[in-house]
Amino acid sequence: KQSLFKLNQKLYQFLVFLLTFKNILYIFFYVLKVIFMLVLNLMGEPSVGKSSTAGGVFYELGVRGYKSEIITEVAKGFAWETPIHPKTGETFAHPIFGQQIYLLGEQNRLLERVLGKRQVAIMECPLIMTAIYQPDNYFKNFTPLVLEQFNVYNNFNILLERNHSFDNEGRVHNESESLHVRNKLKDFLKEHSIPYITLKTHPDINKEIASLVIDKLVQK
């Protein structure tokens, strides 16, 4: 019985070792995936040109031989579903915009699924935007959660500055509200010491950003 007990104990210890080793390997390879994928965060207020720029950068990287993927904005899909008053044109906010914790999780899920599969992930809506759009008196630990998740990745942050007319189609913010979002975003970046560069939109901004991204990849 003692021999059997010792055998079972050794078998148990061996299984624990295998599970621990497996977890260590999983963490190791996960960290490698995170390190070797650059997350390009295109930041800015509504109508600044994030989606258009993302598409252009995706093309420019592709023709230069780099593998990238656009991580589309989850919230924008709901924006198209936002009802509009037939007479006044006033928009009624979709209830989902009050659930930024859901949007954070879904946006992060779309990002995580390309880890280790692409060199660059192009974020139409960076994770930190959920902290900007959170309602008043939201979960007190929501912003720290957003920052913790955001800082997991190898980020390259670009704040776009609009150099074209405001487009209100498919949006829940008007131009003055969008300006408020921009100011709030800049204050947030400063408060949390998040590094970024500012680029004014122009016809060749896609090529400019693609070149900056490639420089980042070459430096690694």
C-alpha atoms as a PDB file:
ATOM      1  CA  LYS A   1       0.000   0.000   0.000  1.00  0.00           C
ATOM      2  CA  GLN A   2       2.836   2.370   0.841  1.00  0.00           C
ATOM      3  CA  SER A   3       4.479   1.614  -2.522  1.00  0.00           C
ATOM      4  CA  LEU A   4       1.205   2.317  -4.292  1.00  0.00           C
ATOM      5  CA  PHE A   5       0.796   5.533  -2.342  1.00  0.00           C
ATOM      6  CA  LYS A   6       4.302   6.684  -3.265  1.00  0.00           C
ATOM      7  CA  LEU A   7       3.661   5.789  -6.914  1.00  0.00           C
ATOM      8  CA  ASN A   8       0.424   7.762  -6.963  1.00  0.00           C
ATOM      9  CA  GLN A   9       2.136  10.679  -5.249  1.00  0.00           C
ATOM     10  CA  LYS A  10       4.916  10.731  -7.833  1.00  0.00           C
ATOM     11  CA  LEU A  11       2.372  10.460 -10.635  1.00  0.00           C
ATOM     12  CA  TYR A  12       0.455  13.388  -9.154  1.00  0.00           C
ATOM     13  CA  GLN A  13       3.627  15.468  -8.870  1.00  0.00           C
ATOM     14  CA  PHE A  14       4.510  14.624 -12.466  1.00  0.00           C
ATOM     15  CA  LEU A  15       1.049  15.697 -13.691  1.00  0.00           C
ATOM     16  CA  VAL A  16       1.322  18.952 -11.731  1.00  0.00           C
ATOM     17  CA  PHE A  17       4.711  19.536 -13.331  1.00  0.00           C
ATOM     18  CA  LEU A  18       3.301  18.929 -16.828  1.00  0.00           C
ATOM     19  CA  LEU A  19       0.393  21.293 -16.230  1.00  0.00           C
ATOM     20  CA  THR A  20       2.697  23.954 -14.804  1.00  0.00           C
ATOM     21  CA  PHE A  21       5.138  23.550 -17.702  1.00  0.00           C
ATOM     22  CA  LYS A  22       2.241  23.753 -20.171  1.00  0.00           C
ATOM     23  CA  ASN A  23       1.029  26.987 -18.562  1.00  0.00           C
ATOM     24  CA  ILE A  24       4.518  28.461 -18.643  1.00  0.00           C
ATOM     25  CA  LEU A  25       4.818  27.600 -22.339  1.00  0.00           C
ATOM     26  CA  TYR A  26       1.406  29.108 -23.032  1.00  0.00           C
ATOM     27  CA  ILE A  27       2.352  32.353 -21.271  1.00  0.00           C
ATOM     28  CA  PHE A  28       5.742  32.428 -23.008  1.00  0.00           C
ATOM     29  CA  PHE A  29       4.278  32.052 -26.496  1.00  0.00           C
ATOM     30  CA  TYR A  30       1.455  34.479 -25.725  1.00  0.00           C
ATOM     31  CA  VAL A  31       3.996  37.117 -24.694  1.00  0.00           C
ATOM     32  CA  LEU A  32       5.955  36.468 -27.903  1.00  0.00           C
ATOM     33  CA  LYS A  33       2.811  36.962 -29.977  1.00  0.00           C
ATOM     34  CA  VAL A  34       2.076  40.234 -28.208  1.00  0.00           C
ATOM     35  CA  ILE A  35       5.631  41.544 -28.557  1.00  0.00           C
ATOM     36  CA  PHE A  36       6.005  40.728 -32.250  1.00  0.00           C
ATOM     37  CA  MET A  37       2.696  42.216 -33.391  1.00  0.00           C
ATOM     38  CA  LEU A  38       2.525  45.989 -33.648  1.00  0.00           C
ATOM     39  CA  VAL A  39      -0.835  47.517 -32.752  1.00  0.00           C
ATOM     40  CA  LEU A  40      -1.397  50.706 -34.730  1.00  0.00           C
ATOM     41  CA  ASN A  41      -3.904  52.815 -32.800  1.00  0.00           C
ATOM     42  CA  LEU A  42      -5.558  55.431 -35.012  1.00  0.00           C
ATOM     43  CA  MET A  43      -7.007  57.842 -32.483  1.00  0.00           C
ATOM     44  CA  GLY A  44      -9.294  60.794 -32.833  1.00  0.00           C
ATOM     45  CA  GLU A  45     -12.819  62.109 -32.643  1.00  0.00           C
ATOM     46  CA  PRO A  46     -15.703  60.958 -34.899  1.00  0.00           C
ATOM     47  CA  SER A  47     -15.250  61.890 -38.588  1.00  0.00           C
ATOM     48  CA  VAL A  48     -11.512  62.479 -38.205  1.00  0.00           C
ATOM     49  CA  GLY A  49     -10.875  59.801 -40.854  1.00  0.00           C
ATOM     50  CA  LYS A  50      -9.874  56.723 -38.841  1.00  0.00           C
ATOM     51  CA  SER A  51     -11.675  54.168 -41.033  1.00  0.00           C
ATOM     52  CA  SER A  52     -10.515  55.701 -44.322  1.00  0.00           C
ATOM     53  CA  THR A  53      -6.961  55.962 -43.049  1.00  0.00           C
ATOM     54  CA  ALA A  54      -7.049  52.379 -41.756  1.00  0.00           C
ATOM     55  CA  GLY A  55      -8.076  51.124 -45.195  1.00  0.00           C
ATOM     56  CA  GLY A  56      -5.350  53.111 -46.905  1.00  0.00           C
ATOM     57  CA  VAL A  57      -2.631  51.963 -44.503  1.00  0.00           C
ATOM     58  CA  PHE A  58      -3.785  48.357 -44.905  1.00  0.00           C
ATOM     59  CA  TYR A  59      -3.343  48.682 -48.674  1.00  0.00           C
ATOM     60  CA  GLU A  60       0.031  50.428 -48.443  1.00  0.00           C
ATOM     61  CA  LEU A  61       1.426  47.802 -46.079  1.00  0.00           C
ATOM     62  CA  GLY A  62       0.098  44.997 -48.260  1.00  0.00           C
ATOM     63  CA  VAL A  63       1.705  46.216 -51.485  1.00  0.00           C
ATOM     64  CA  ARG A  64       4.992  46.578 -49.602  1.00  0.00           C
ATOM     65  CA  GLY A  65       4.856  42.971 -48.451  1.00  0.00           C
ATOM     66  CA  TYR A  66       3.737  43.391 -44.846  1.00  0.00           C
ATOM     67  CA  LYS A  67       0.871  41.407 -43.317  1.00  0.00           C
ATOM     68  CA  SER A  68      -1.713  43.500 -41.499  1.00  0.00           C
ATOM     69  CA  GLU A  69      -5.343  43.343 -40.475  1.00  0.00           C
ATOM     70  CA  ILE A  70      -7.928  46.040 -39.837  1.00  0.00           C
ATOM     71  CA  ILE A  71      -9.701  45.639 -36.499  1.00  0.00           C
ATOM     72  CA  THR A  72     -13.034  47.269 -37.260  1.00  0.00           C
ATOM     73  CA  GLU A  73     -14.869  49.490 -34.792  1.00  0.00           C
ATOM     74  CA  VAL A  74     -17.519  47.477 -32.968  1.00  0.00           C
ATOM     75  CA  ALA A  75     -19.516  50.538 -31.919  1.00  0.00           C
ATOM     76  CA  LYS A  76     -19.852  51.846 -35.477  1.00  0.00           C
ATOM     77  CA  GLY A  77     -22.047  48.926 -36.426  1.00  0.00           C
ATOM     78  CA  PHE A  78     -24.492  49.958 -33.711  1.00  0.00           C
ATOM     79  CA  ALA A  79     -24.273  53.600 -34.787  1.00  0.00           C
ATOM     80  CA  TRP A  80     -25.875  52.654 -38.113  1.00  0.00           C
ATOM     81  CA  GLU A  81     -28.771  51.207 -36.119  1.00  0.00           C
ATOM     82  CA  THR A  82     -29.290  54.423 -34.153  1.00  0.00           C
ATOM     83  CA  PRO A  83     -32.841  55.727 -34.784  1.00  0.00           C
ATOM     84  CA  ILE A  84     -33.294  59.242 -36.155  1.00  0.00           C
ATOM     85  CA  HIS A  85     -36.291  61.474 -35.530  1.00  0.00           C
ATOM     86  CA  PRO A  86     -38.047  61.860 -38.921  1.00  0.00           C
ATOM     87  CA  LYS A  87     -38.820  65.567 -38.422  1.00  0.00           C
ATOM     88  CA  THR A  88     -36.011  67.036 -36.346  1.00  0.00           C
ATOM     89  CA  GLY A  89     -33.213  64.722 -37.488  1.00  0.00           C
ATOM     90  CA  GLU A  90     -32.265  64.211 -33.828  1.00  0.00           C
ATOM     91  CA  THR A  91     -30.501  60.941 -33.094  1.00  0.00           C
ATOM     92  CA  PHE A  92     -31.365  58.657 -30.198  1.00  0.00           C
ATOM     93  CA  ALA A  93     -28.345  56.953 -28.670  1.00  0.00           C
ATOM     94  CA  HIS A  94     -28.288  53.170 -28.960  1.00  0.00           C
ATOM     95  CA  PRO A  95     -28.438  51.560 -25.474  1.00  0.00           C
ATOM     96  CA  ILE A  96     -25.230  49.644 -26.205  1.00  0.00           C
ATOM     97  CA  PHE A  97     -23.201  52.863 -25.925  1.00  0.00           C
ATOM     98  CA  GLY A  98     -23.934  52.829 -22.217  1.00  0.00           C
ATOM     99  CA  GLN A  99     -22.218  49.435 -21.977  1.00  0.00           C
ATOM    100  CA  GLN A 100     -18.620  50.335 -22.724  1.00  0.00           C
ATOM    101  CA  ILE A 101     -17.414  47.312 -20.789  1.00  0.00           C
ATOM    102  CA  TYR A 102     -19.064  45.112 -23.423  1.00  0.00           C
ATOM    103  CA  LEU A 103     -17.545  47.154 -26.250  1.00  0.00           C
ATOM    104  CA  LEU A 104     -14.103  46.897 -24.616  1.00  0.00           C
ATOM    105  CA  GLY A 105     -14.383  43.116 -24.392  1.00  0.00           C
ATOM    106  CA  GLU A 106     -15.615  42.698 -27.951  1.00  0.00           C
ATOM    107  CA  GLN A 107     -13.026  45.107 -29.383  1.00  0.00           C
ATOM    108  CA  ASN A 108     -10.280  43.264 -27.530  1.00  0.00           C
ATOM    109  CA  ARG A 109     -11.591  39.886 -28.747  1.00  0.00           C
ATOM    110  CA  LEU A 110     -11.276  41.025 -32.353  1.00  0.00           C
ATOM    111  CA  LEU A 111      -7.724  42.179 -31.646  1.00  0.00           C
ATOM    112  CA  GLU A 112      -6.627  39.059 -29.785  1.00  0.00           C
ATOM    113  CA  ARG A 113      -7.707  36.682 -32.530  1.00  0.00           C
ATOM    114  CA  VAL A 114      -5.017  38.025 -34.908  1.00  0.00           C
ATOM    115  CA  LEU A 115      -2.175  37.721 -32.370  1.00  0.00           C
ATOM    116  CA  GLY A 116       0.698  35.817 -33.924  1.00  0.00           C
ATOM    117  CA  LYS A 117      -1.021  35.830 -37.331  1.00  0.00           C
ATOM    118  CA  ARG A 118      -0.266  39.364 -38.528  1.00  0.00           C
ATOM    119  CA  GLN A 119       2.643  41.774 -38.200  1.00  0.00           C
ATOM    120  CA  VAL A 120       0.373  44.756 -37.694  1.00  0.00           C
ATOM    121  CA  ALA A 121      -3.129  45.180 -36.285  1.00  0.00           C
ATOM    122  CA  ILE A 122      -4.737  48.443 -37.408  1.00  0.00           C
ATOM    123  CA  MET A 123      -7.222  49.660 -34.811  1.00  0.00           C
ATOM    124  CA  GLU A 124     -10.094  51.765 -36.153  1.00  0.00           C
ATOM    125  CA  CYS A 125     -11.153  52.208 -32.538  1.00  0.00           C
ATOM    126  CA  PRO A 126      -8.303  51.822 -30.013  1.00  0.00           C
ATOM    127  CA  LEU A 127      -9.212  50.156 -26.733  1.00  0.00           C
ATOM    128  CA  ILE A 128      -8.701  53.373 -24.764  1.00  0.00           C
ATOM    129  CA  MET A 129     -11.616  55.002 -26.601  1.00  0.00           C
ATOM    130  CA  THR A 130     -13.981  52.973 -24.408  1.00  0.00           C
ATOM    131  CA  ALA A 131     -12.636  54.931 -21.431  1.00  0.00           C
ATOM    132  CA  ILE A 132     -13.335  58.189 -23.283  1.00  0.00           C
ATOM    133  CA  TYR A 133     -16.901  57.194 -24.106  1.00  0.00           C
ATOM    134  CA  GLN A 134     -17.796  55.712 -20.729  1.00  0.00           C
ATOM    135  CA  PRO A 135     -20.913  57.217 -19.117  1.00  0.00           C
ATOM    136  CA  ASP A 136     -20.751  59.411 -16.036  1.00  0.00           C
ATOM    137  CA  ASN A 137     -20.615  57.515 -12.732  1.00  0.00           C
ATOM    138  CA  TYR A 138     -19.553  54.318 -14.504  1.00  0.00           C
ATOM    139  CA  PHE A 139     -17.647  51.484 -12.789  1.00  0.00           C
ATOM    140  CA  LYS A 140     -14.902  53.119 -10.730  1.00  0.00           C
ATOM    141  CA  ASN A 141     -12.326  50.537 -11.846  1.00  0.00           C
ATOM    142  CA  PHE A 142     -13.264  50.650 -15.524  1.00  0.00           C
ATOM    143  CA  THR A 143     -10.546  53.098 -16.584  1.00  0.00           C
ATOM    144  CA  PRO A 144      -7.773  51.101 -14.823  1.00  0.00           C
ATOM    145  CA  LEU A 145      -9.141  47.969 -16.530  1.00  0.00           C
ATOM    146  CA  VAL A 146      -9.003  49.665 -19.941  1.00  0.00           C
ATOM    147  CA  LEU A 147      -5.445  50.866 -19.346  1.00  0.00           C
ATOM    148  CA  GLU A 148      -4.313  47.457 -18.117  1.00  0.00           C
ATOM    149  CA  GLN A 149      -5.667  45.759 -21.233  1.00  0.00           C
ATOM    150  CA  PHE A 150      -4.375  48.493 -23.544  1.00  0.00           C
ATOM    151  CA  ASN A 151      -0.852  48.319 -22.099  1.00  0.00           C
ATOM    152  CA  VAL A 152      -0.620  44.580 -22.759  1.00  0.00           C
ATOM    153  CA  TYR A 153       0.057  45.303 -26.418  1.00  0.00           C
ATOM    154  CA  ASN A 154       2.969  46.719 -28.394  1.00  0.00           C
ATOM    155  CA  ASN A 155       1.261  50.015 -29.245  1.00  0.00           C
ATOM    156  CA  PHE A 156       2.051  52.697 -31.799  1.00  0.00           C
ATOM    157  CA  ASN A 157      -0.327  55.603 -31.192  1.00  0.00           C
ATOM    158  CA  ILE A 158      -1.251  58.231 -33.777  1.00  0.00           C
ATOM    159  CA  LEU A 159      -3.666  61.073 -33.058  1.00  0.00           C
ATOM    160  CA  LEU A 160      -5.265  62.163 -36.321  1.00  0.00           C
ATOM    161  CA  GLU A 161      -6.172  65.795 -36.831  1.00  0.00           C
ATOM    162  CA  ARG A 162      -9.065  66.456 -39.204  1.00  0.00           C
ATOM    163  CA  ASN A 163      -8.258  68.534 -42.281  1.00  0.00           C
ATOM    164  CA  HIS A 164     -11.582  68.001 -44.064  1.00  0.00           C
ATOM    165  CA  SER A 165     -15.287  68.741 -43.530  1.00  0.00           C
ATOM    166  CA  PHE A 166     -17.266  66.918 -40.847  1.00  0.00           C
ATOM    167  CA  ASP A 167     -19.363  63.934 -41.995  1.00  0.00           C
ATOM    168  CA  ASN A 168     -22.385  63.259 -39.787  1.00  0.00           C
ATOM    169  CA  GLU A 169     -23.634  60.129 -41.586  1.00  0.00           C
ATOM    170  CA  GLY A 170     -23.626  56.988 -39.435  1.00  0.00           C
ATOM    171  CA  ARG A 171     -22.573  58.853 -36.288  1.00  0.00           C
ATOM    172  CA  VAL A 172     -24.110  59.591 -32.910  1.00  0.00           C
ATOM    173  CA  HIS A 173     -22.067  62.775 -32.336  1.00  0.00           C
ATOM    174  CA  ASN A 174     -22.441  66.128 -34.066  1.00  0.00           C
ATOM    175  CA  GLU A 175     -19.443  68.335 -34.837  1.00  0.00           C
ATOM    176  CA  SER A 176     -19.397  70.197 -31.503  1.00  0.00           C
ATOM    177  CA  GLU A 177     -19.746  66.930 -29.572  1.00  0.00           C
ATOM    178  CA  SER A 178     -16.900  65.451 -31.610  1.00  0.00           C
ATOM    179  CA  LEU A 179     -14.686  68.379 -30.667  1.00  0.00           C
ATOM    180  CA  HIS A 180     -15.468  67.655 -27.005  1.00  0.00           C
ATOM    181  CA  VAL A 181     -14.409  64.022 -27.558  1.00  0.00           C
ATOM    182  CA  ARG A 182     -11.102  65.211 -29.026  1.00  0.00           C
ATOM    183  CA  ASN A 183     -10.344  67.473 -26.084  1.00  0.00           C
ATOM    184  CA  LYS A 184     -11.279  64.728 -23.641  1.00  0.00           C
ATOM    185  CA  LEU A 185      -9.025  62.265 -25.485  1.00  0.00           C
ATOM    186  CA  LYS A 186      -6.032  64.621 -25.429  1.00  0.00           C
ATOM    187  CA  ASP A 187      -6.515  65.235 -21.700  1.00  0.00           C
ATOM    188  CA  PHE A 188      -6.713  61.467 -21.126  1.00  0.00           C
ATOM    189  CA  LEU A 189      -3.491  60.804 -23.045  1.00  0.00           C
ATOM    190  CA  LYS A 190      -1.696  63.494 -21.080  1.00  0.00           C
ATOM    191  CA  GLU A 191      -3.066  62.371 -17.705  1.00  0.00           C
ATOM    192  CA  HIS A 192      -1.961  58.773 -18.225  1.00  0.00           C
ATOM    193  CA  SER A 193       1.349  59.605 -19.959  1.00  0.00           C
ATOM    194  CA  ILE A 194       0.445  57.683 -23.115  1.00  0.00           C
ATOM    195  CA  PRO A 195       2.951  58.487 -25.891  1.00  0.00           C
ATOM    196  CA  TYR A 196       1.593  59.465 -29.301  1.00  0.00           C
ATOM    197  CA  ILE A 197       2.317  61.505 -32.392  1.00  0.00           C
ATOM    198  CA  THR A 198      -0.109  63.897 -34.095  1.00  0.00           C
ATOM    199  CA  LEU A 199      -0.656  63.847 -37.853  1.00  0.00           C
ATOM    200  CA  LYS A 200      -2.932  66.136 -39.835  1.00  0.00           C
ATOM    201  CA  THR A 201      -4.928  64.255 -42.467  1.00  0.00           C
ATOM    202  CA  HIS A 202      -3.896  64.766 -46.106  1.00  0.00           C
ATOM    203  CA  PRO A 203      -4.142  62.780 -49.382  1.00  0.00           C
ATOM    204  CA  ASP A 204      -0.906  60.860 -48.764  1.00  0.00           C
ATOM    205  CA  ILE A 205      -1.302  60.222 -45.046  1.00  0.00           C
ATOM    206  CA  ASN A 206      -1.735  56.483 -45.700  1.00  0.00           C
ATOM    207  CA  LYS A 207       1.737  56.291 -47.237  1.00  0.00           C
ATOM    208  CA  GLU A 208       3.205  58.419 -44.450  1.00  0.00           C
ATOM    209  CA  ILE A 209       1.781  56.204 -41.709  1.00  0.00           C
ATOM    210  CA  ALA A 210       2.742  53.003 -43.544  1.00  0.00           C
ATOM    211  CA  SER A 211       6.340  54.217 -43.699  1.00  0.00           C
ATOM    212  CA  LEU A 212       6.316  55.019 -39.983  1.00  0.00           C
ATOM    213  CA  VAL A 213       4.917  51.567 -39.207  1.00  0.00           C
ATOM    214  CA  ILE A 214       7.567  49.834 -41.310  1.00  0.00           C
ATOM    215  CA  ASP A 215      10.265  51.821 -39.496  1.00  0.00           C
ATOM    216  CA  LYS A 216       8.848  50.529 -36.205  1.00  0.00           C
ATOM    217  CA  LEU A 217       8.861  46.945 -37.481  1.00  0.00           C
ATOM    218  CA  VAL A 218      12.440  47.211 -38.728  1.00  0.00           C
ATOM    219  CA  GLN A 219      13.600  48.596 -35.364  1.00  0.00           C
ATOM    220  CA  LYS A 220      12.337  45.518 -33.463  1.00  0.00           C
END
